[in-house]
Amino acid sequence: MVGYHYLAREFTVSGTITIASHLQRKVPQGQAILFIIAKNEGGVPVALQRIVNPQFPVSFTLRREDLIVPGARQRDAMLLQVQMNGHGRAGQALPGDLEGDSKGPVQPGDKGIHIVIDHEL
């Protein structure tokens, strides 16, 4: 169990999120919520961060505090997904929500990841 806590303590992933120019006017007015979701290779969320009223470009760092299961083993590759909406629910995409992803796997410890919000549901 000590190893699991050590790995969770070391968990970080960081980068920048931008929004494609054709979607900038689609950002929810009022209260926009940006979710950064790390999923394992099976598609199960392992970490989540929520940013209210993001100002682009957004710098982010997922840390051990963002792990959904504290102390979980997070040394495996993940996919990062971002969702932005005005309803405040992650994982429940509705028409008009904006999304983007890392376009490939990332490893814990990776820095400089660039994610573009590039499509609307």
C-alpha atoms as a PDB file:
ATOM      1  CA  MET A   1       0.000   0.000   0.000  1.00  0.00           C
ATOM      2  CA  VAL A   2       2.914   2.361   0.613  1.00  0.00           C
ATOM      3  CA  GLY A   3       3.775   2.205  -3.097  1.00  0.00           C
ATOM      4  CA  TYR A   4       0.279   3.306  -4.069  1.00  0.00           C
ATOM      5  CA  HIS A   5       0.470   6.393  -1.869  1.00  0.00           C
ATOM      6  CA  TYR A   6       3.892   7.217  -3.267  1.00  0.00           C
ATOM      7  CA  LEU A   7       2.649   7.042  -6.843  1.00  0.00           C
ATOM      8  CA  ALA A   8      -0.414   9.164  -6.064  1.00  0.00           C
ATOM      9  CA  ARG A   9       1.796  11.759  -4.366  1.00  0.00           C
ATOM     10  CA  GLU A  10       3.859  12.035  -7.549  1.00  0.00           C
ATOM     11  CA  PHE A  11       0.884  12.337  -9.911  1.00  0.00           C
ATOM     12  CA  THR A  12       0.975  15.508 -12.045  1.00  0.00           C
ATOM     13  CA  VAL A  13       0.053  16.316 -15.620  1.00  0.00           C
ATOM     14  CA  SER A  14       0.164  19.884 -16.926  1.00  0.00           C
ATOM     15  CA  GLY A  15      -0.371  21.945 -20.028  1.00  0.00           C
ATOM     16  CA  THR A  16      -2.507  24.540 -21.756  1.00  0.00           C
ATOM     17  CA  ILE A  17      -6.028  24.528 -23.152  1.00  0.00           C
ATOM     18  CA  THR A  18      -7.088  26.772 -26.013  1.00  0.00           C
ATOM     19  CA  ILE A  19     -10.301  27.078 -27.955  1.00  0.00           C
ATOM     20  CA  ALA A  20     -10.560  26.911 -31.743  1.00  0.00           C
ATOM     21  CA  SER A  21     -11.374  30.302 -33.256  1.00  0.00           C
ATOM     22  CA  HIS A  22     -14.604  29.051 -34.846  1.00  0.00           C
ATOM     23  CA  LEU A  23     -15.929  28.090 -31.368  1.00  0.00           C
ATOM     24  CA  GLN A  24     -14.906  31.178 -29.375  1.00  0.00           C
ATOM     25  CA  ARG A  25     -18.326  32.792 -29.763  1.00  0.00           C
ATOM     26  CA  LYS A  26     -19.969  29.552 -28.556  1.00  0.00           C
ATOM     27  CA  VAL A  27     -18.495  29.769 -25.033  1.00  0.00           C
ATOM     28  CA  PRO A  28     -21.433  29.648 -22.598  1.00  0.00           C
ATOM     29  CA  GLN A  29     -22.426  33.105 -21.373  1.00  0.00           C
ATOM     30  CA  GLY A  30     -22.856  33.663 -17.652  1.00  0.00           C
ATOM     31  CA  GLN A  31     -21.253  30.739 -15.899  1.00  0.00           C
ATOM     32  CA  ALA A  32     -19.069  28.512 -18.061  1.00  0.00           C
ATOM     33  CA  ILE A  33     -17.581  25.405 -16.471  1.00  0.00           C
ATOM     34  CA  LEU A  34     -14.462  23.758 -17.918  1.00  0.00           C
ATOM     35  CA  PHE A  35     -13.773  20.166 -16.893  1.00  0.00           C
ATOM     36  CA  ILE A  36     -10.400  18.492 -17.384  1.00  0.00           C
ATOM     37  CA  ILE A  37     -10.852  14.727 -17.197  1.00  0.00           C
ATOM     38  CA  ALA A  38      -8.054  12.142 -17.187  1.00  0.00           C
ATOM     39  CA  LYS A  39      -9.230   8.677 -18.236  1.00  0.00           C
ATOM     40  CA  ASN A  40      -7.366   5.385 -18.130  1.00  0.00           C
ATOM     41  CA  GLU A  41      -6.953   3.346 -21.298  1.00  0.00           C
ATOM     42  CA  GLY A  42     -10.300   1.665 -20.580  1.00  0.00           C
ATOM     43  CA  GLY A  43     -12.071   5.038 -20.617  1.00  0.00           C
ATOM     44  CA  VAL A  44     -12.689   5.176 -16.852  1.00  0.00           C
ATOM     45  CA  PRO A  45     -12.138   8.644 -15.301  1.00  0.00           C
ATOM     46  CA  VAL A  46      -9.225   8.698 -12.846  1.00  0.00           C
ATOM     47  CA  ALA A  47      -8.829  12.451 -12.225  1.00  0.00           C
ATOM     48  CA  LEU A  48     -11.031  15.508 -12.603  1.00  0.00           C
ATOM     49  CA  GLN A  49     -10.502  19.247 -12.309  1.00  0.00           C
ATOM     50  CA  ARG A  50     -13.198  21.940 -12.602  1.00  0.00           C
ATOM     51  CA  ILE A  51     -12.518  25.555 -13.616  1.00  0.00           C
ATOM     52  CA  VAL A  52     -15.294  28.156 -13.411  1.00  0.00           C
ATOM     53  CA  ASN A  53     -15.392  30.894 -16.078  1.00  0.00           C
ATOM     54  CA  PRO A  54     -12.085  30.009 -17.771  1.00  0.00           C
ATOM     55  CA  GLN A  55     -10.081  32.707 -19.542  1.00  0.00           C
ATOM     56  CA  PHE A  56      -8.269  31.269 -22.574  1.00  0.00           C
ATOM     57  CA  PRO A  57      -5.574  30.144 -22.882  1.00  0.00           C
ATOM     58  CA  VAL A  58      -6.026  28.133 -19.663  1.00  0.00           C
ATOM     59  CA  SER A  59      -2.983  26.680 -17.898  1.00  0.00           C
ATOM     60  CA  PHE A  60      -3.753  23.530 -15.924  1.00  0.00           C
ATOM     61  CA  THR A  61      -2.059  21.049 -13.646  1.00  0.00           C
ATOM     62  CA  LEU A  62      -3.759  17.870 -12.526  1.00  0.00           C
ATOM     63  CA  ARG A  63      -2.376  16.800  -9.142  1.00  0.00           C
ATOM     64  CA  ARG A  64      -2.974  14.047  -6.626  1.00  0.00           C
ATOM     65  CA  GLU A  65      -5.787  16.172  -5.129  1.00  0.00           C
ATOM     66  CA  ASP A  66      -7.646  15.747  -8.433  1.00  0.00           C
ATOM     67  CA  LEU A  67      -7.560  11.937  -8.352  1.00  0.00           C
ATOM     68  CA  ILE A  68     -11.057  10.476  -8.115  1.00  0.00           C
ATOM     69  CA  VAL A  69      -9.801   7.600  -5.950  1.00  0.00           C
ATOM     70  CA  PRO A  70      -7.143   9.012  -3.581  1.00  0.00           C
ATOM     71  CA  GLY A  71      -4.094   6.789  -3.477  1.00  0.00           C
ATOM     72  CA  ALA A  72      -4.989   5.065  -6.738  1.00  0.00           C
ATOM     73  CA  ARG A  73      -2.150   3.769  -8.881  1.00  0.00           C
ATOM     74  CA  GLN A  74      -1.637   6.359 -11.593  1.00  0.00           C
ATOM     75  CA  ARG A  75       1.522   5.572 -13.458  1.00  0.00           C
ATOM     76  CA  ASP A  76      -0.175   4.258 -16.580  1.00  0.00           C
ATOM     77  CA  ALA A  77      -0.955   6.154 -19.770  1.00  0.00           C
ATOM     78  CA  MET A  78      -4.112   8.267 -19.806  1.00  0.00           C
ATOM     79  CA  LEU A  79      -6.176  10.257 -22.247  1.00  0.00           C
ATOM     80  CA  LEU A  80      -7.126  13.813 -21.352  1.00  0.00           C
ATOM     81  CA  GLN A  81     -10.509  15.179 -22.321  1.00  0.00           C
ATOM     82  CA  VAL A  82     -11.867  18.673 -21.762  1.00  0.00           C
ATOM     83  CA  GLN A  83     -15.536  19.537 -21.683  1.00  0.00           C
ATOM     84  CA  MET A  84     -17.014  23.021 -21.382  1.00  0.00           C
ATOM     85  CA  ASN A  85     -20.644  23.755 -20.689  1.00  0.00           C
ATOM     86  CA  GLY A  86     -23.042  25.996 -18.831  1.00  0.00           C
ATOM     87  CA  HIS A  87     -24.917  23.247 -16.947  1.00  0.00           C
ATOM     88  CA  GLY A  88     -22.016  22.225 -14.690  1.00  0.00           C
ATOM     89  CA  ARG A  89     -22.159  18.443 -15.146  1.00  0.00           C
ATOM     90  CA  ALA A  90     -19.149  16.486 -16.348  1.00  0.00           C
ATOM     91  CA  GLY A  91     -19.660  13.376 -18.421  1.00  0.00           C
ATOM     92  CA  GLN A  92     -23.258  14.228 -19.292  1.00  0.00           C
ATOM     93  CA  ALA A  93     -22.748  15.904 -22.636  1.00  0.00           C
ATOM     94  CA  LEU A  94     -25.656  17.874 -24.051  1.00  0.00           C
ATOM     95  CA  PRO A  95     -26.105  19.574 -27.427  1.00  0.00           C
ATOM     96  CA  GLY A  96     -24.056  22.782 -27.479  1.00  0.00           C
ATOM     97  CA  ASP A  97     -21.357  21.512 -25.099  1.00  0.00           C
ATOM     98  CA  LEU A  98     -17.783  22.055 -26.315  1.00  0.00           C
ATOM     99  CA  GLU A  99     -15.056  19.394 -26.191  1.00  0.00           C
ATOM    100  CA  GLY A 100     -11.477  18.575 -27.070  1.00  0.00           C
ATOM    101  CA  ASP A 101      -8.896  15.937 -26.159  1.00  0.00           C
ATOM    102  CA  SER A 102      -5.203  15.212 -25.968  1.00  0.00           C
ATOM    103  CA  LYS A 103      -5.199  13.379 -29.349  1.00  0.00           C
ATOM    104  CA  GLY A 104      -3.113  10.624 -27.811  1.00  0.00           C
ATOM    105  CA  PRO A 105      -1.978   9.098 -24.528  1.00  0.00           C
ATOM    106  CA  VAL A 106      -0.143  11.100 -21.875  1.00  0.00           C
ATOM    107  CA  GLN A 107       1.930   9.834 -18.975  1.00  0.00           C
ATOM    108  CA  PRO A 108       1.906  11.055 -15.373  1.00  0.00           C
ATOM    109  CA  GLY A 109       4.648  13.671 -15.136  1.00  0.00           C
ATOM    110  CA  ASP A 110       4.097  14.965 -18.678  1.00  0.00           C
ATOM    111  CA  LYS A 111       4.263  18.745 -19.086  1.00  0.00           C
ATOM    112  CA  GLY A 112       3.473  21.074 -21.959  1.00  0.00           C
ATOM    113  CA  ILE A 113       0.396  19.178 -23.154  1.00  0.00           C
ATOM    114  CA  HIS A 114      -1.709  21.290 -25.520  1.00  0.00           C
ATOM    115  CA  ILE A 115      -5.416  20.580 -25.834  1.00  0.00           C
ATOM    116  CA  VAL A 116      -7.661  22.433 -28.260  1.00  0.00           C
ATOM    117  CA  ILE A 117     -11.407  22.614 -27.696  1.00  0.00           C
ATOM    118  CA  ASP A 118     -12.253  21.891 -31.301  1.00  0.00           C
ATOM    119  CA  HIS A 119     -15.786  20.541 -31.561  1.00  0.00           C
ATOM    120  CA  GLU A 120     -19.337  21.220 -30.451  1.00  0.00           C
ATOM    121  CA  LEU A 121     -21.825  18.505 -29.647  1.00  0.00           C
END
